[in-house]
Protein backbone atom coordinates (compact mmCIF):
# COMPACT_ATOMS: atom_id res chain seq x y z
CA MET A 1 0.11 0.11 0.06
CA ALA A 2 2.72 2.59 0.78
CA ILE A 3 4.45 1.44 -2.90
CA PHE A 4 1.36 2.52 -4.60
CA THR A 5 1.00 5.62 -2.50
CA GLY A 6 4.30 6.53 -3.53
CA VAL A 7 3.63 5.80 -7.23
CA PHE A 8 0.61 8.20 -7.35
CA SER A 9 2.23 10.76 -5.68
CA GLN A 10 5.08 11.09 -8.03
CA TRP A 11 2.85 10.61 -10.94
CA ASN A 12 0.82 13.72 -9.40
CA ARG A 13 3.60 15.93 -9.11
CA ARG A 14 5.07 15.39 -12.78
CA THR A 15 1.42 16.07 -13.77
CA LEU A 16 1.00 19.21 -11.90
CA LEU A 17 4.31 20.35 -13.72
CA THR A 18 3.15 19.73 -17.07
CA ILE A 19 -0.41 22.04 -16.63
CA PRO A 20 1.45 25.25 -16.40
CA VAL A 21 3.35 24.77 -20.00
CA VAL A 22 0.26 23.22 -21.63
CA PHE A 23 -1.54 26.55 -20.43
CA ALA A 24 1.15 29.14 -21.68
CA SER A 25 1.09 27.15 -25.30
CA THR A 26 -2.38 27.85 -25.53
CA LEU A 27 -2.35 31.50 -24.58
CA LEU A 28 0.39 31.53 -26.96
CA LEU A 29 -1.77 30.10 -30.13
CA SER A 30 -4.44 32.43 -29.02
CA ALA A 31 -2.08 35.22 -29.43
CA CYS A 32 -0.80 34.23 -32.92
CA ASP A 33 -5.11 33.93 -34.09
CA LYS A 34 -5.64 37.59 -32.70
CA THR A 35 -2.46 38.65 -34.24
CA GLU A 36 -3.16 37.44 -37.90
CA ASP A 37 -6.73 38.83 -37.49
CA ARG A 38 -5.26 42.25 -37.02
CA PRO A 39 -4.80 44.43 -39.68
CA GLY A 40 -1.97 44.71 -41.45
CA SER A 41 -1.00 40.99 -40.30
CA HIS A 42 0.35 38.14 -42.82
CA LYS A 43 -2.27 35.45 -42.89
CA ILE A 44 -1.72 32.88 -45.33
CA ARG A 45 -4.15 33.02 -48.36
CA SER A 46 -5.51 30.04 -50.25
CA THR A 47 -4.03 29.20 -53.79
CA SER A 48 -6.20 29.50 -56.83
CA HIS A 49 -7.20 26.25 -59.14
CA ARG A 50 -4.81 25.99 -61.68
CA VAL A 51 -5.70 24.22 -65.27
CA GLU A 52 -3.95 23.68 -68.24
CA VAL A 53 -6.39 24.13 -71.62
CA ILE A 54 -6.38 23.33 -75.23
CA THR A 55 -8.25 24.67 -77.98
CA ALA A 56 -10.76 22.54 -79.91
CA GLU A 57 -10.11 22.97 -83.53
CA THR A 58 -10.56 22.08 -87.40
CA LYS A 59 -7.98 20.11 -88.68
CA PRO A 60 -7.57 16.97 -91.13
CA VAL A 61 -6.98 13.83 -88.94
CA SER A 62 -6.35 10.47 -89.66
CA LEU A 63 -5.76 6.62 -88.81
CA THR A 64 -4.83 3.40 -89.87
CA GLN A 65 -6.92 0.49 -90.32
CA THR A 66 -5.92 -3.33 -90.42
CA ILE A 67 -7.89 -5.67 -92.58
CA SER A 68 -7.27 -9.40 -92.89
CA GLY A 69 -8.12 -12.32 -95.21
CA THR A 70 -6.49 -14.80 -97.80
CA LEU A 71 -4.99 -13.91 -100.69
CA GLU A 72 -6.57 -14.96 -104.28
CA ALA A 73 -5.85 -14.99 -107.67
CA VAL A 74 -7.46 -11.65 -109.83
CA THR A 75 -7.72 -14.01 -112.74
CA ARG A 76 -9.37 -17.57 -112.30
CA ILE A 77 -11.15 -19.50 -115.19
CA ARG A 78 -12.78 -22.64 -114.84
CA PHE A 79 -13.07 -24.72 -118.18
CA TYR A 80 -16.37 -26.56 -118.86
CA ASN A 81 -16.73 -28.86 -121.73
CA GLU A 82 -19.75 -27.95 -124.11
CA GLU A 83 -20.31 -31.32 -126.02
CA SER A 84 -20.63 -34.98 -123.96
CA GLY A 85 -17.50 -37.02 -125.15
CA ARG A 86 -14.72 -39.18 -124.06
CA ILE A 87 -11.36 -37.70 -122.78
CA THR A 88 -8.69 -38.48 -125.22
CA ARG A 89 -5.89 -35.80 -124.01
CA LEU A 90 -5.51 -34.29 -120.91
CA PRO A 91 -1.89 -33.56 -120.53
CA TYR A 92 -1.21 -30.69 -117.61
CA HIS A 93 -1.41 -31.38 -113.71
CA GLU A 94 -1.98 -29.24 -110.73
CA GLY A 95 0.94 -26.85 -110.53
CA ASP A 96 1.96 -27.07 -114.21
CA MET A 97 2.36 -23.88 -115.88
CA VAL A 98 0.79 -23.58 -119.15
CA LYS A 99 1.38 -20.87 -122.22
CA LYS A 100 -1.53 -18.81 -123.82
CA GLY A 101 -3.10 -21.19 -126.42
CA SER A 102 -1.78 -24.37 -125.03
CA LEU A 103 -4.28 -27.52 -125.44
CA LEU A 104 -5.42 -28.13 -122.22
CA VAL A 105 -8.32 -30.86 -122.78
CA GLN A 106 -9.21 -32.83 -126.17
CA LEU A 107 -12.35 -34.76 -126.79
CA ASP A 108 -12.92 -37.63 -128.78
CA ASP A 109 -13.83 -35.81 -132.07
CA GLU A 110 -14.54 -38.73 -134.29
CA LEU A 111 -18.50 -38.41 -134.78
CA LEU A 112 -18.28 -34.44 -134.54
CA LYS A 113 -15.79 -34.87 -137.97
CA THR A 114 -18.21 -36.79 -139.69
CA ASP A 115 -20.94 -34.14 -138.70
CA VAL A 116 -18.93 -31.41 -140.53
CA ALA A 117 -18.19 -33.68 -143.58
CA LYS A 118 -22.16 -34.84 -143.81
CA ALA A 119 -22.93 -30.45 -143.27
CA ARG A 120 -20.41 -29.47 -146.04
CA ALA A 121 -21.49 -32.41 -148.41
CA SER A 122 -25.47 -30.74 -148.20
CA ARG A 123 -23.89 -27.11 -148.63
CA GLU A 124 -22.31 -28.32 -151.73
CA GLN A 125 -25.56 -29.76 -153.01
CA ALA A 126 -27.27 -27.03 -152.28
CA LYS A 127 -25.00 -24.58 -154.10
CA VAL A 128 -25.24 -26.88 -156.95
CA ASN A 129 -29.29 -26.74 -157.09
CA LEU A 130 -29.18 -23.13 -156.82
CA GLY A 131 -26.52 -22.54 -159.87
CA ARG A 132 -28.95 -25.31 -162.00
CA LEU A 133 -32.01 -23.35 -161.75
CA LYS A 134 -30.58 -19.81 -162.11
CA LYS A 135 -29.41 -21.30 -165.38
CA LEU A 136 -33.14 -22.69 -166.39
CA LEU A 137 -34.72 -19.37 -164.99
CA PRO A 138 -34.19 -17.24 -168.79
CA LYS A 139 -35.65 -20.31 -170.25
CA LYS A 140 -38.84 -20.20 -168.23
CA ILE A 141 -38.14 -24.00 -167.00
CA SER A 142 -38.01 -22.96 -163.34
CA THR A 143 -39.56 -20.13 -161.75
CA GLU A 144 -38.52 -17.13 -159.62
CA ASP A 145 -39.44 -18.76 -156.28
CA GLU A 146 -38.13 -22.26 -156.80
CA VAL A 147 -34.81 -20.00 -157.19
CA ALA A 148 -35.55 -18.57 -154.41
CA ARG A 149 -36.30 -21.82 -152.03
CA ALA A 150 -33.05 -23.16 -153.62
CA GLN A 151 -31.00 -19.75 -151.90
CA THR A 152 -32.98 -20.30 -148.61
CA GLU A 153 -31.58 -23.68 -148.74
CA LEU A 154 -28.35 -23.07 -149.50
CA ASP A 155 -27.98 -20.28 -146.68
CA LEU A 156 -29.22 -22.60 -144.19
CA ALA A 157 -26.59 -25.53 -145.33
CA ARG A 158 -23.82 -23.17 -145.23
CA THR A 159 -25.26 -22.12 -141.34
CA GLU A 160 -25.35 -25.64 -140.54
CA GLU A 161 -21.73 -26.42 -141.66
CA LYS A 162 -20.59 -23.40 -139.67
CA ARG A 163 -22.32 -24.59 -136.36
CA GLN A 164 -21.17 -28.45 -137.04
CA LEU A 165 -17.80 -26.76 -137.41
CA THR A 166 -17.64 -24.87 -133.98
CA ARG A 167 -18.57 -27.87 -131.97
CA LEU A 168 -15.65 -29.54 -133.82
CA GLN A 169 -13.43 -26.78 -132.78
CA ARG A 170 -15.00 -26.70 -128.97
CA ALA A 171 -13.91 -30.42 -128.75
CA SER A 172 -10.27 -28.98 -128.05
CA ILE A 173 -10.00 -26.46 -124.98
CA ARG A 174 -7.11 -24.26 -125.18
CA SER A 175 -5.74 -22.08 -122.48
CA PRO A 176 -6.83 -17.76 -123.15
CA ILE A 177 -3.98 -16.88 -121.13
CA ASP A 178 -0.85 -17.58 -119.70
CA GLY A 179 -1.43 -19.37 -116.27
CA MET A 180 -1.25 -22.36 -113.91
CA VAL A 181 -3.26 -25.38 -113.53
CA THR A 182 -5.06 -25.40 -110.32
CA ARG A 183 -7.50 -28.37 -110.39
CA ARG A 184 -7.50 -31.43 -112.41
CA LEU A 185 -11.03 -33.10 -111.94
CA TYR A 186 -10.67 -35.91 -114.31
CA GLU A 187 -8.42 -38.30 -116.13
CA PRO A 188 -7.91 -39.41 -120.06
CA GLY A 189 -10.47 -41.88 -120.72
CA ASP A 190 -13.48 -40.65 -118.93
CA LEU A 191 -16.56 -39.78 -120.08
CA LEU A 192 -17.97 -36.87 -119.82
CA PRO A 193 -21.32 -35.18 -120.06
CA ALA A 194 -22.27 -31.75 -121.42
CA GLN A 195 -21.18 -28.78 -118.82
CA THR A 196 -18.80 -30.40 -116.65
CA HIS A 197 -16.14 -28.72 -115.03
CA ILE A 198 -12.89 -30.35 -116.02
CA LEU A 199 -9.84 -28.24 -114.40
CA SER A 200 -9.23 -24.70 -113.42
CA ILE A 201 -6.30 -22.56 -113.73
CA ILE A 202 -5.13 -18.70 -112.74
CA ASP A 203 -3.07 -16.09 -113.58
CA PRO A 204 -0.46 -16.00 -110.83
CA SER A 205 1.23 -12.78 -111.76
CA ALA A 206 -1.68 -10.95 -110.15
CA LEU A 207 -2.95 -11.52 -106.31
CA ARG A 208 -5.71 -9.57 -104.68
CA LEU A 209 -6.93 -9.39 -101.23
CA LYS A 210 -10.75 -9.15 -100.56
CA ALA A 211 -11.51 -7.99 -96.87
CA GLY A 212 -14.36 -6.35 -94.93
CA LEU A 213 -14.21 -2.67 -93.77
CA ALA A 214 -16.64 -1.25 -91.09
CA GLU A 215 -19.03 0.74 -92.78
CA ARG A 216 -18.38 3.95 -90.89
CA TRP A 217 -14.97 3.59 -92.31
CA LEU A 218 -15.66 2.93 -95.88
CA PRO A 219 -16.43 6.49 -97.22
CA LEU A 220 -13.16 7.76 -96.48
CA VAL A 221 -11.17 4.84 -98.48
CA LYS A 222 -10.21 5.91 -102.06
CA GLN A 223 -10.04 4.05 -105.83
CA GLU A 224 -6.16 3.34 -106.37
CA GLN A 225 -5.30 4.43 -103.06
CA THR A 226 -1.66 2.56 -101.93
CA VAL A 227 -1.90 0.37 -98.81
CA LYS A 228 0.67 -1.69 -97.03
CA LEU A 229 0.37 -5.39 -97.31
CA LYS A 230 2.15 -8.00 -94.92
CA ILE A 231 2.14 -12.13 -95.70
CA ASP A 232 2.53 -13.44 -92.55
CA ALA A 233 4.21 -16.58 -94.63
CA LEU A 234 6.90 -14.16 -95.54
CA GLY A 235 7.94 -12.44 -92.38
CA ASP A 236 7.69 -9.00 -91.42
CA ARG A 237 8.33 -7.37 -95.01
CA ARG A 238 5.53 -5.20 -96.25
CA PHE A 239 4.83 -5.04 -99.81
CA ASP A 240 3.01 -2.16 -101.98
CA ALA A 241 -0.45 -2.64 -103.17
CA ARG A 242 -3.34 -0.55 -104.06
CA VAL A 243 -7.12 -0.61 -103.95
CA ILE A 244 -8.67 -1.60 -107.17
CA ARG A 245 -12.45 -1.75 -106.42
CA ILE A 246 -14.99 -0.86 -103.82
CA HIS A 247 -17.99 -2.63 -103.12
CA PRO A 248 -21.11 -0.50 -103.41
CA THR A 249 -23.24 -2.76 -100.78
CA ILE A 250 -22.92 -3.32 -97.38
CA ASP A 251 -23.43 -6.57 -95.47
CA ALA A 252 -26.59 -6.14 -93.27
CA SER A 253 -25.52 -8.74 -90.73
CA THR A 254 -21.58 -7.37 -90.14
CA HIS A 255 -21.72 -3.39 -91.52
CA LYS A 256 -18.97 -4.05 -93.36
CA GLY A 257 -18.32 -3.48 -96.95
CA ILE A 258 -16.03 -5.34 -99.13
CA ILE A 259 -12.81 -3.79 -100.47
CA GLU A 260 -10.15 -5.81 -103.29
CA ILE A 261 -6.71 -5.08 -102.66
CA SER A 262 -4.43 -5.71 -105.88
CA LEU A 263 -0.70 -7.23 -104.97
CA SER A 264 1.32 -6.76 -108.40
CA PRO A 265 4.07 -7.22 -109.05
CA VAL A 266 3.52 -10.41 -106.56
CA PRO A 267 6.78 -10.87 -104.57
CA GLU A 268 8.72 -14.07 -104.30
CA GLY A 269 7.30 -16.60 -102.40
CA ALA A 270 3.57 -15.31 -102.34
CA ARG A 271 0.96 -17.83 -103.06
CA VAL A 272 -3.06 -17.98 -103.33
CA GLY A 273 -4.46 -18.89 -100.14
CA GLN A 274 -1.99 -17.34 -97.75
CA PHE A 275 -2.91 -15.12 -94.76
CA ALA A 276 -2.25 -11.39 -95.46
CA ARG A 277 -2.74 -8.10 -93.70
CA ALA A 278 -3.35 -4.98 -95.28
CA SER A 279 -2.98 -1.41 -93.53
CA ILE A 280 -4.94 1.28 -94.87
CA GLU A 281 -4.74 5.02 -93.99
CA LEU A 282 -8.03 7.01 -93.74
CA ARG A 283 -7.75 10.38 -94.01
CA ALA A 284 -10.67 13.29 -93.13
CA THR A 285 -10.49 16.66 -93.70
CA ASP A 286 -12.05 19.44 -91.85
CA ARG A 287 -13.03 17.63 -88.63
CA LEU A 288 -13.42 19.34 -85.45
CA VAL A 289 -11.88 17.28 -82.66
CA ILE A 290 -10.57 17.06 -79.33
CA PRO A 291 -8.63 14.72 -77.27
CA VAL A 292 -9.96 11.42 -75.93
CA TYR A 293 -8.04 12.28 -72.66
CA ILE A 294 -10.11 15.49 -71.55
CA ILE A 295 -13.55 13.62 -71.93
CA HIS A 296 -15.45 12.79 -69.04
CA TYR A 297 -18.78 10.56 -68.71
CA GLU A 298 -21.86 10.78 -66.87
CA PRO A 299 -25.07 8.89 -66.92
CA GLU A 300 -26.52 12.22 -69.22
CA GLY A 301 -23.69 11.77 -71.57
CA SER A 302 -20.15 12.89 -72.32
CA PHE A 303 -18.55 16.43 -71.05
CA VAL A 304 -15.65 18.42 -70.92
CA PHE A 305 -14.82 21.73 -68.68
CA ARG A 306 -14.75 24.85 -70.74
CA ILE A 307 -13.30 27.94 -70.09
CA LYS A 308 -15.27 31.18 -69.39
CA GLU A 309 -14.30 34.66 -69.03
CA GLU A 310 -16.72 36.60 -66.74
CA ASP A 311 -17.48 40.31 -67.02
CA ALA A 312 -15.54 41.02 -63.64
CA GLY A 313 -12.55 39.74 -65.53
CA SER A 314 -12.34 36.34 -63.62
CA THR A 315 -12.24 32.86 -65.51
CA VAL A 316 -14.38 30.18 -64.59
CA VAL A 317 -15.12 26.62 -66.21
CA GLU A 318 -18.55 25.39 -67.31
CA LYS A 319 -19.62 22.06 -67.62
CA VAL A 320 -20.50 21.23 -71.56
CA PHE A 321 -22.08 18.50 -72.79
CA PHE A 322 -21.37 17.62 -76.09
CA GLU A 323 -22.51 15.12 -79.14
CA GLN A 324 -19.21 12.97 -80.06
CA GLY A 325 -18.77 11.26 -83.55
CA GLN A 326 -16.34 9.16 -84.96
CA GLN A 327 -12.59 8.50 -83.18
CA PHE A 328 -9.68 8.70 -84.97
CA ALA A 329 -6.91 7.35 -83.15
CA ALA A 330 -6.27 9.74 -79.87
CA MET A 331 -9.08 12.37 -81.20
CA VAL A 332 -12.65 12.37 -81.08
CA GLU A 333 -14.68 14.48 -83.76
CA VAL A 334 -17.34 16.55 -82.06
CA PHE A 335 -20.72 16.94 -83.75
CA SER A 336 -22.51 19.61 -81.29
CA GLY A 337 -22.07 21.42 -78.23
CA LEU A 338 -18.37 22.92 -78.86
CA GLN A 339 -16.93 25.53 -81.12
CA ALA A 340 -13.62 25.58 -83.15
CA GLY A 341 -11.53 27.96 -80.66
CA ASP A 342 -12.99 27.06 -77.42
CA LYS A 343 -10.64 26.50 -74.94
CA VAL A 344 -10.61 23.09 -73.02
CA VAL A 345 -9.49 22.05 -69.63
CA SER A 346 -6.75 19.58 -70.50
CA ARG A 347 -5.12 19.25 -66.83
CA GLY A 348 -6.17 20.21 -63.22
CA PHE A 349 -9.45 17.73 -62.95
CA ILE A 350 -9.22 16.96 -59.43
CA GLY A 351 -11.40 19.24 -57.70
CA LEU A 352 -12.77 20.62 -60.70
CA ARG A 353 -16.52 21.44 -60.80
CA GLY A 354 -18.97 23.74 -63.02
CA GLY A 355 -18.61 27.42 -62.21
CA LYS A 356 -15.43 27.22 -60.22
CA LYS A 357 -12.75 29.61 -60.44
CA VAL A 358 -9.40 28.85 -62.37
CA GLU A 359 -6.17 30.31 -63.33
CA VAL A 360 -5.14 29.07 -66.44
CA ALA A 361 -1.25 27.60 -66.43
CA THR A 362 0.88 27.84 -69.37
CA PRO A 363 2.35 24.55 -70.17
CA HIS A 364 5.92 23.69 -69.94
CA THR A 365 7.14 23.23 -73.91
CA ALA A 366 10.30 21.43 -74.95
CA SER A 367 12.47 24.70 -75.82
CA ASP A 368 11.44 25.46 -71.57
CA GLN A 369 13.77 22.68 -70.65
CA LYS A 370 17.27 23.98 -70.28
CA ASN A 371 18.41 21.71 -67.91
CA THR A 372 18.32 18.79 -70.01
CA VAL A 373 21.57 16.95 -70.16
CA THR A 374 22.25 14.67 -73.62
CA VAL A 375 24.41 11.66 -73.24
CA LYS A 376 26.40 10.14 -76.31
CA PRO A 377 26.68 6.42 -76.74
CA HIS A 378 30.13 6.62 -76.14
CA GLU A 379 29.99 8.24 -72.71
CA ILE A 380 28.28 5.70 -70.95
CA THR A 381 30.58 3.81 -68.96
CA LYS A 382 30.06 0.36 -67.34
CA PRO A 383 30.43 -0.30 -63.34
C-alpha cells in the first residue's frame, strides 16, 4: 500500500508541473490567432485552382485500320466442256504452268468430224441446185420462187456447216492466258456429259485480298489508294499494294463493306491462299476534334470543362455536354456542343466543378527545359 501511494504521488507531481506549460502554449496560440486577425497581419492566402487548356480546332485527321484475309488470284478460269464425249488428252496437272493457246483438254471428235463432212456435202449440193435453177430461169423452165427456195436451202446448209465446225473446234479446249493449273478433276478415258467442270487455271502474276471494312470507315477509302500489305508467311516485310475496287453494298449482318486490294507485281514466295494483312490509312478533312483524354462521362452523356471569361474579369469553367462522332486514334470528332476556338481544360481535373474560378497555366514546352543533359553513346561507361 505504501508503494502504491508513493507512485501515485510521483505521477501527481509530474502532472502538476505539466499543466502550466500546456496553459502557456494555449495562450501563445490564441495570441497568434488574434495577431493574424489584426489589420496588417500576414495571414496565409488560399491558392487558386490551376488548370491547363487546349483549343478545340478543325483540322485534318487520320487513322490506320488493318484488315485481313487470304490471298486469291485476280484471274481464275474454270473450264467446262460444251459437248459430251470421252477425254483423249489431258496433259497438264496441278501446279503445271501453261502458255496461252496450249491444248488443255481434247475430247473424242470422230463423230463431230463426220457431222462436219455431212454438213459440207449438204452445202455443196445446195449450191449446185441453186446454180442449175438459175440457168433454167431464162428459159422459163424454172420459176423465181424455185430459185428463191434454192437460195434459202443453200443459206441453211452453210449455217449448219458452220455450226458443226464450231462443235468440232470446241472439242479442243485451249488456254486463253499464261497461267497455272490449280485443279484437275478428271483423267484421260473418262466419259463426260456436257457442261462438266474439267479443270481450273489461274494467273499467278496478280493476286488480290478481299476483306471487309466497317461501314463508318468505308467512305474514307479511295480508289487506287496505296496500302501496305504484310504476308504472314513471308515474315515482317511489307509490300506496296493498291485498292482496285470498292463494293457498293454493305452486308446487313456484319455492317461491313468489301474492298479489293491488288498485289502486283507479286513478290517471290507469295501464293494463293496465304494469310495477309493490309494497313489502310484513312484520312478525313475539316473535322472539329478534341483529345480523348479530356472527355468525362456521366449518365447524361459525355462532357468537358470549357473556359469562360466573366464580365468581372475572372475566369471560370463551365460543364459542357457535347455530341461526339467518330474516333480517330487519340482524337474524337465533335458534332455539336463545342465550336472551333473553344478552350477546354486538359489538366487539373481534381476538385474541378462547373462554375469554379480557375487560373489558366501555360504548359511547359520542350524549349523550356534548359537543364536537359544529353548523353552520347560513347560517354556511357559500364560499372
